[in-house]
């Protein structure tokens, strides 16, 4: 099963949000401290997170790299 990972970088709000599931499934957010918020679905499963105070220098255009490692059994 393939699922898209959604990355949202907000330079004005200085946040980086990552979803492992459909953002529309978000029901509750839980602040864990140190500027990290867990995003959970109605069954309390983590479907993403938001990192607060995430700032990239003005002269840098961020490039995101994704690496995966699938275990097949």
PDB file of N, CA and C in Angstrom:
ATOM      1  N   UNK A   1       0.835  -1.167   0.000  1.00  0.00           N
ATOM      2  CA  UNK A   1       0.000   0.000   0.000  1.00  0.00           C
ATOM      3  C   UNK A   1       0.892   1.246   0.000  1.00  0.00           C
ATOM      4  N   UNK A   2       0.622   2.160  -0.915  1.00  0.00           N
ATOM      5  CA  UNK A   2       1.372   3.411  -0.990  1.00  0.00           C
ATOM      6  C   UNK A   2       0.555   4.533  -0.384  1.00  0.00           C
ATOM      7  N   UNK A   3       1.214   5.371   0.398  1.00  0.00           N
ATOM      8  CA  UNK A   3       0.586   6.556   0.967  1.00  0.00           C
ATOM      9  C   UNK A   3       1.501   7.732   0.715  1.00  0.00           C
ATOM     10  N   UNK A   4       0.905   8.860   0.433  1.00  0.00           N
ATOM     11  CA  UNK A   4       1.686  10.075   0.225  1.00  0.00           C
ATOM     12  C   UNK A   4       2.032  10.688   1.575  1.00  0.00           C
ATOM     13  N   UNK A   5       3.229  11.219   1.687  1.00  0.00           N
ATOM     14  CA  UNK A   5       3.639  12.002   2.848  1.00  0.00           C
ATOM     15  C   UNK A   5       3.585  13.454   2.409  1.00  0.00           C
ATOM     16  N   UNK A   6       2.835  14.257   3.158  1.00  0.00           N
ATOM     17  CA  UNK A   6       2.645  15.653   2.791  1.00  0.00           C
ATOM     18  C   UNK A   6       3.480  16.539   3.708  1.00  0.00           C
ATOM     19  N   UNK A   7       4.318  17.392   3.104  1.00  0.00           N
ATOM     20  CA  UNK A   7       5.141  18.347   3.837  1.00  0.00           C
ATOM     21  C   UNK A   7       4.627  19.750   3.544  1.00  0.00           C
ATOM     22  N   UNK A   8       4.441  20.534   4.602  1.00  0.00           N
ATOM     23  CA  UNK A   8       4.005  21.921   4.434  1.00  0.00           C
ATOM     24  C   UNK A   8       4.975  22.804   5.205  1.00  0.00           C
ATOM     25  N   UNK A   9       5.694  23.649   4.482  1.00  0.00           N
ATOM     26  CA  UNK A   9       6.615  24.590   5.125  1.00  0.00           C
ATOM     27  C   UNK A   9       6.002  25.981   5.044  1.00  0.00           C
ATOM     28  N   UNK A  10       5.779  26.599   6.178  1.00  0.00           N
ATOM     29  CA  UNK A  10       5.210  27.947   6.256  1.00  0.00           C
ATOM     30  C   UNK A  10       6.287  28.890   6.758  1.00  0.00           C
ATOM     31  N   UNK A  11       6.869  29.669   5.838  1.00  0.00           N
ATOM     32  CA  UNK A  11       7.959  30.568   6.213  1.00  0.00           C
ATOM     33  C   UNK A  11       7.466  31.755   7.037  1.00  0.00           C
ATOM     34  N   UNK A  12       6.221  32.158   6.852  1.00  0.00           N
ATOM     35  CA  UNK A  12       5.666  33.278   7.622  1.00  0.00           C
ATOM     36  C   UNK A  12       5.375  32.827   9.054  1.00  0.00           C
ATOM     37  N   UNK A  13       4.710  31.695   9.202  1.00  0.00           N
ATOM     38  CA  UNK A  13       4.379  31.170  10.528  1.00  0.00           C
ATOM     39  C   UNK A  13       5.517  30.394  11.175  1.00  0.00           C
ATOM     40  N   UNK A  14       6.589  30.181  10.419  1.00  0.00           N
ATOM     41  CA  UNK A  14       7.768  29.432  10.880  1.00  0.00           C
ATOM     42  C   UNK A  14       7.384  28.046  11.417  1.00  0.00           C
ATOM     43  N   UNK A  15       6.657  27.286  10.584  1.00  0.00           N
ATOM     44  CA  UNK A  15       6.280  25.919  10.953  1.00  0.00           C
ATOM     45  C   UNK A  15       6.597  24.952   9.823  1.00  0.00           C
ATOM     46  N   UNK A  16       6.850  23.721  10.204  1.00  0.00           N
ATOM     47  CA  UNK A  16       6.974  22.612   9.264  1.00  0.00           C
ATOM     48  C   UNK A  16       5.974  21.561   9.718  1.00  0.00           C
ATOM     49  N   UNK A  17       5.043  21.225   8.841  1.00  0.00           N
ATOM     50  CA  UNK A  17       4.017  20.236   9.160  1.00  0.00           C
ATOM     51  C   UNK A  17       4.204  19.035   8.256  1.00  0.00           C
ATOM     52  N   UNK A  18       4.160  17.843   8.839  1.00  0.00           N
ATOM     53  CA  UNK A  18       4.331  16.594   8.104  1.00  0.00           C
ATOM     54  C   UNK A  18       3.125  15.699   8.391  1.00  0.00           C
ATOM     55  N   UNK A  19       2.470  15.250   7.324  1.00  0.00           N
ATOM     56  CA  UNK A  19       1.339  14.321   7.452  1.00  0.00           C
ATOM     57  C   UNK A  19       1.719  12.980   6.849  1.00  0.00           C
ATOM     58  N   UNK A  20       1.426  11.903   7.587  1.00  0.00           N
ATOM     59  CA  UNK A  20       1.629  10.535   7.104  1.00  0.00           C
ATOM     60  C   UNK A  20       0.324   9.939   6.594  1.00  0.00           C
ATOM     61  N   UNK A  21      -0.753  10.658   6.784  1.00  0.00           N
ATOM     62  CA  UNK A  21      -2.093  10.227   6.380  1.00  0.00           C
ATOM     63  C   UNK A  21      -2.832  11.468   5.896  1.00  0.00           C
ATOM     64  N   UNK A  22      -4.044  11.294   5.455  1.00  0.00           N
ATOM     65  CA  UNK A  22      -4.844  12.390   4.938  1.00  0.00           C
ATOM     66  C   UNK A  22      -5.051  13.449   6.027  1.00  0.00           C
ATOM     67  N   UNK A  23      -4.675  14.710   5.779  1.00  0.00           N
ATOM     68  CA  UNK A  23      -4.854  15.765   6.776  1.00  0.00           C
ATOM     69  C   UNK A  23      -6.308  15.943   7.221  1.00  0.00           C
ATOM     70  N   UNK A  24      -7.253  15.565   6.360  1.00  0.00           N
ATOM     71  CA  UNK A  24      -8.671  15.672   6.718  1.00  0.00           C
ATOM     72  C   UNK A  24      -9.055  14.722   7.851  1.00  0.00           C
ATOM     73  N   UNK A  25      -8.206  13.725   8.153  1.00  0.00           N
ATOM     74  CA  UNK A  25      -8.479  12.784   9.235  1.00  0.00           C
ATOM     75  C   UNK A  25      -8.056  13.323  10.602  1.00  0.00           C
ATOM     76  N   UNK A  26      -7.459  14.513  10.632  1.00  0.00           N
ATOM     77  CA  UNK A  26      -6.991  15.088  11.898  1.00  0.00           C
ATOM     78  C   UNK A  26      -8.180  15.421  12.788  1.00  0.00           C
ATOM     79  N   UNK A  27      -8.114  14.945  14.024  1.00  0.00           N
ATOM     80  CA  UNK A  27      -9.179  15.193  14.989  1.00  0.00           C
ATOM     81  C   UNK A  27      -8.680  15.955  16.216  1.00  0.00           C
ATOM     82  N   UNK A  28      -7.450  15.673  16.617  1.00  0.00           N
ATOM     83  CA  UNK A  28      -6.938  16.268  17.850  1.00  0.00           C
ATOM     84  C   UNK A  28      -5.447  16.551  17.705  1.00  0.00           C
ATOM     85  N   UNK A  29      -4.990  17.597  18.360  1.00  0.00           N
ATOM     86  CA  UNK A  29      -3.569  17.929  18.376  1.00  0.00           C
ATOM     87  C   UNK A  29      -3.087  17.905  19.821  1.00  0.00           C
ATOM     88  N   UNK A  30      -1.880  17.394  20.016  1.00  0.00           N
ATOM     89  CA  UNK A  30      -1.328  17.266  21.361  1.00  0.00           C
ATOM     90  C   UNK A  30       0.074  17.858  21.383  1.00  0.00           C
ATOM     91  N   UNK A  31       0.249  18.904  22.189  1.00  0.00           N
ATOM     92  CA  UNK A  31       1.568  19.529  22.293  1.00  0.00           C
ATOM     93  C   UNK A  31       2.449  18.671  23.192  1.00  0.00           C
ATOM     94  N   UNK A  32       3.636  18.331  22.692  1.00  0.00           N
ATOM     95  CA  UNK A  32       4.540  17.462  23.445  1.00  0.00           C
ATOM     96  C   UNK A  32       5.648  18.237  24.137  1.00  0.00           C
ATOM     97  N   UNK A  33       5.784  19.500  23.830  1.00  0.00           N
ATOM     98  CA  UNK A  33       6.855  20.324  24.391  1.00  0.00           C
ATOM     99  C   UNK A  33       7.914  20.582  23.347  1.00  0.00           C
ATOM    100  N   UNK A  34       8.750  21.561  23.624  1.00  0.00           N
ATOM    101  CA  UNK A  34       9.846  21.939  22.731  1.00  0.00           C
ATOM    102  C   UNK A  34       9.385  22.225  21.315  1.00  0.00           C
ATOM    103  N   UNK A  35       8.178  22.776  21.170  1.00  0.00           N
ATOM    104  CA  UNK A  35       7.695  23.199  19.867  1.00  0.00           C
ATOM    105  C   UNK A  35       7.278  22.085  18.933  1.00  0.00           C
ATOM    106  N   UNK A  36       6.857  20.947  19.469  1.00  0.00           N
ATOM    107  CA  UNK A  36       6.386  19.834  18.638  1.00  0.00           C
ATOM    108  C   UNK A  36       4.933  19.529  19.000  1.00  0.00           C
ATOM    109  N   UNK A  37       4.087  19.445  17.977  1.00  0.00           N
ATOM    110  CA  UNK A  37       2.678  19.129  18.166  1.00  0.00           C
ATOM    111  C   UNK A  37       2.366  17.860  17.383  1.00  0.00           C
ATOM    112  N   UNK A  38       1.819  16.851  18.066  1.00  0.00           N
ATOM    113  CA  UNK A  38       1.386  15.624  17.401  1.00  0.00           C
ATOM    114  C   UNK A  38      -0.024  15.814  16.879  1.00  0.00           C
ATOM    115  N   UNK A  39      -0.265  15.345  15.675  1.00  0.00           N
ATOM    116  CA  UNK A  39      -1.582  15.419  15.052  1.00  0.00           C
ATOM    117  C   UNK A  39      -2.137  13.999  15.016  1.00  0.00           C
ATOM    118  N   UNK A  40      -3.341  13.812  15.589  1.00  0.00           N
ATOM    119  CA  UNK A  40      -3.896  12.466  15.728  1.00  0.00           C
ATOM    120  C   UNK A  40      -5.262  12.365  15.074  1.00  0.00           C
ATOM    121  N   UNK A  41      -5.622  11.136  14.681  1.00  0.00           N
ATOM    122  CA  UNK A  41      -6.937  10.875  14.116  1.00  0.00           C
ATOM    123  C   UNK A  41      -7.919  10.543  15.242  1.00  0.00           C
ATOM    124  N   UNK A  42      -9.161  10.204  14.882  1.00  0.00           N
ATOM    125  CA  UNK A  42     -10.188   9.953  15.898  1.00  0.00           C
ATOM    126  C   UNK A  42      -9.904   8.706  16.734  1.00  0.00           C
ATOM    127  N   UNK A  43      -9.029   7.822  16.255  1.00  0.00           N
ATOM    128  CA  UNK A  43      -8.652   6.629  17.013  1.00  0.00           C
ATOM    129  C   UNK A  43      -7.375   6.847  17.821  1.00  0.00           C
ATOM    130  N   UNK A  44      -6.935   8.105  17.890  1.00  0.00           N
ATOM    131  CA  UNK A  44      -5.762   8.516  18.660  1.00  0.00           C
ATOM    132  C   UNK A  44      -4.436   8.034  18.069  1.00  0.00           C
ATOM    133  N   UNK A  45      -4.432   7.691  16.769  1.00  0.00           N
ATOM    134  CA  UNK A  45      -3.200   7.319  16.078  1.00  0.00           C
ATOM    135  C   UNK A  45      -2.533   8.591  15.552  1.00  0.00           C
ATOM    136  N   UNK A  46      -1.226   8.664  15.676  1.00  0.00           N
ATOM    137  CA  UNK A  46      -0.490   9.820  15.158  1.00  0.00           C
ATOM    138  C   UNK A  46      -0.493   9.753  13.626  1.00  0.00           C
ATOM    139  N   UNK A  47      -0.994  10.819  13.013  1.00  0.00           N
ATOM    140  CA  UNK A  47      -1.014  10.876  11.545  1.00  0.00           C
ATOM    141  C   UNK A  47      -0.114  11.999  11.027  1.00  0.00           C
ATOM    142  N   UNK A  48       0.542  12.702  11.953  1.00  0.00           N
ATOM    143  CA  UNK A  48       1.444  13.765  11.540  1.00  0.00           C
ATOM    144  C   UNK A  48       1.986  14.528  12.733  1.00  0.00           C
ATOM    145  N   UNK A  49       2.799  15.528  12.420  1.00  0.00           N
ATOM    146  CA  UNK A  49       3.322  16.397  13.472  1.00  0.00           C
ATOM    147  C   UNK A  49       3.615  17.771  12.892  1.00  0.00           C
ATOM    148  N   UNK A  50       3.684  18.737  13.786  1.00  0.00           N
ATOM    149  CA  UNK A  50       4.047  20.088  13.383  1.00  0.00           C
ATOM    150  C   UNK A  50       5.205  20.544  14.248  1.00  0.00           C
ATOM    151  N   UNK A  51       6.226  21.083  13.619  1.00  0.00           N
ATOM    152  CA  UNK A  51       7.382  21.635  14.320  1.00  0.00           C
ATOM    153  C   UNK A  51       7.257  23.152  14.281  1.00  0.00           C
ATOM    154  N   UNK A  52       7.124  23.753  15.473  1.00  0.00           N
ATOM    155  CA  UNK A  52       7.028  25.196  15.586  1.00  0.00           C
ATOM    156  C   UNK A  52       8.430  25.807  15.573  1.00  0.00           C
ATOM    157  N   UNK A  53       8.509  27.080  15.276  1.00  0.00           N
ATOM    158  CA  UNK A  53       9.776  27.829  15.273  1.00  0.00           C
ATOM    159  C   UNK A  53      10.781  27.244  14.272  1.00  0.00           C
ATOM    160  N   UNK A  54      10.283  26.691  13.172  1.00  0.00           N
ATOM    161  CA  UNK A  54      11.131  26.115  12.130  1.00  0.00           C
ATOM    162  C   UNK A  54      11.442  27.215  11.128  1.00  0.00           C
ATOM    163  N   UNK A  55      12.681  27.632  11.094  1.00  0.00           N
ATOM    164  CA  UNK A  55      13.060  28.741  10.219  1.00  0.00           C
ATOM    165  C   UNK A  55      14.258  28.356   9.373  1.00  0.00           C
ATOM    166  N   UNK A  56      14.135  28.656   8.104  1.00  0.00           N
ATOM    167  CA  UNK A  56      15.228  28.448   7.161  1.00  0.00           C
ATOM    168  C   UNK A  56      15.733  29.831   6.782  1.00  0.00           C
ATOM    169  N   UNK A  57      17.043  29.986   6.646  1.00  0.00           N
ATOM    170  CA  UNK A  57      17.619  31.278   6.281  1.00  0.00           C
ATOM    171  C   UNK A  57      16.984  31.852   5.031  1.00  0.00           C
ATOM    172  N   UNK A  58      16.918  33.181   4.960  1.00  0.00           N
ATOM    173  CA  UNK A  58      16.274  33.859   3.830  1.00  0.00           C
ATOM    174  C   UNK A  58      16.936  33.554   2.498  1.00  0.00           C
ATOM    175  N   UNK A  59      18.221  33.264   2.508  1.00  0.00           N
ATOM    176  CA  UNK A  59      18.936  33.008   1.256  1.00  0.00           C
ATOM    177  C   UNK A  59      18.963  31.528   0.893  1.00  0.00           C
ATOM    178  N   UNK A  60      18.189  30.717   1.633  1.00  0.00           N
ATOM    179  CA  UNK A  60      18.169  29.270   1.396  1.00  0.00           C
ATOM    180  C   UNK A  60      16.803  28.862   0.879  1.00  0.00           C
ATOM    181  N   UNK A  61      16.789  28.105  -0.205  1.00  0.00           N
ATOM    182  CA  UNK A  61      15.559  27.523  -0.731  1.00  0.00           C
ATOM    183  C   UNK A  61      15.561  26.053  -0.325  1.00  0.00           C
ATOM    184  N   UNK A  62      14.708  25.668   0.655  1.00  0.00           N
ATOM    185  CA  UNK A  62      14.790  24.299   1.177  1.00  0.00           C
ATOM    186  C   UNK A  62      14.453  23.240   0.127  1.00  0.00           C
ATOM    187  N   UNK A  63      15.225  22.175   0.147  1.00  0.00           N
ATOM    188  CA  UNK A  63      14.975  21.002  -0.676  1.00  0.00           C
ATOM    189  C   UNK A  63      14.817  19.835   0.287  1.00  0.00           C
ATOM    190  N   UNK A  64      13.709  19.127   0.191  1.00  0.00           N
ATOM    191  CA  UNK A  64      13.449  18.027   1.092  1.00  0.00           C
ATOM    192  C   UNK A  64      13.802  16.710   0.412  1.00  0.00           C
ATOM    193  N   UNK A  65      14.458  15.854   1.161  1.00  0.00           N
ATOM    194  CA  UNK A  65      14.854  14.553   0.646  1.00  0.00           C
ATOM    195  C   UNK A  65      14.156  13.488   1.487  1.00  0.00           C
ATOM    196  N   UNK A  66      13.564  12.514   0.841  1.00  0.00           N
ATOM    197  CA  UNK A  66      12.864  11.442   1.537  1.00  0.00           C
ATOM    198  C   UNK A  66      13.573  10.128   1.257  1.00  0.00           C
ATOM    199  N   UNK A  67      13.909   9.420   2.322  1.00  0.00           N
ATOM    200  CA  UNK A  67      14.499   8.088   2.197  1.00  0.00           C
ATOM    201  C   UNK A  67      13.554   7.096   2.835  1.00  0.00           C
ATOM    202  N   UNK A  68      13.363   5.967   2.205  1.00  0.00           N
ATOM    203  CA  UNK A  68      12.500   4.928   2.761  1.00  0.00           C
ATOM    204  C   UNK A  68      13.256   3.619   2.828  1.00  0.00           C
ATOM    205  N   UNK A  69      12.848   2.815   3.770  1.00  0.00           N
ATOM    206  CA  UNK A  69      13.416   1.483   3.932  1.00  0.00           C
ATOM    207  C   UNK A  69      12.274   0.542   4.239  1.00  0.00           C
ATOM    208  N   UNK A  70      11.873  -0.253   3.290  1.00  0.00           N
ATOM    209  CA  UNK A  70      10.750  -1.160   3.467  1.00  0.00           C
ATOM    210  C   UNK A  70      11.238  -2.551   3.830  1.00  0.00           C
ATOM    211  N   UNK A  71      10.703  -3.061   4.930  1.00  0.00           N
ATOM    212  CA  UNK A  71      11.014  -4.423   5.339  1.00  0.00           C
ATOM    213  C   UNK A  71      10.002  -5.354   4.709  1.00  0.00           C
ATOM    214  N   UNK A  72      10.477  -6.352   4.017  1.00  0.00           N
ATOM    215  CA  UNK A  72       9.587  -7.340   3.391  1.00  0.00           C
ATOM    216  C   UNK A  72       9.817  -8.680   4.077  1.00  0.00           C
ATOM    217  N   UNK A  73       8.749  -9.268   4.504  1.00  0.00           N
ATOM    218  CA  UNK A  73       8.893 -10.492   5.250  1.00  0.00           C
ATOM    219  C   UNK A  73       8.203 -11.588   4.684  1.00  0.00           C
TER     220      UNK A  73
END
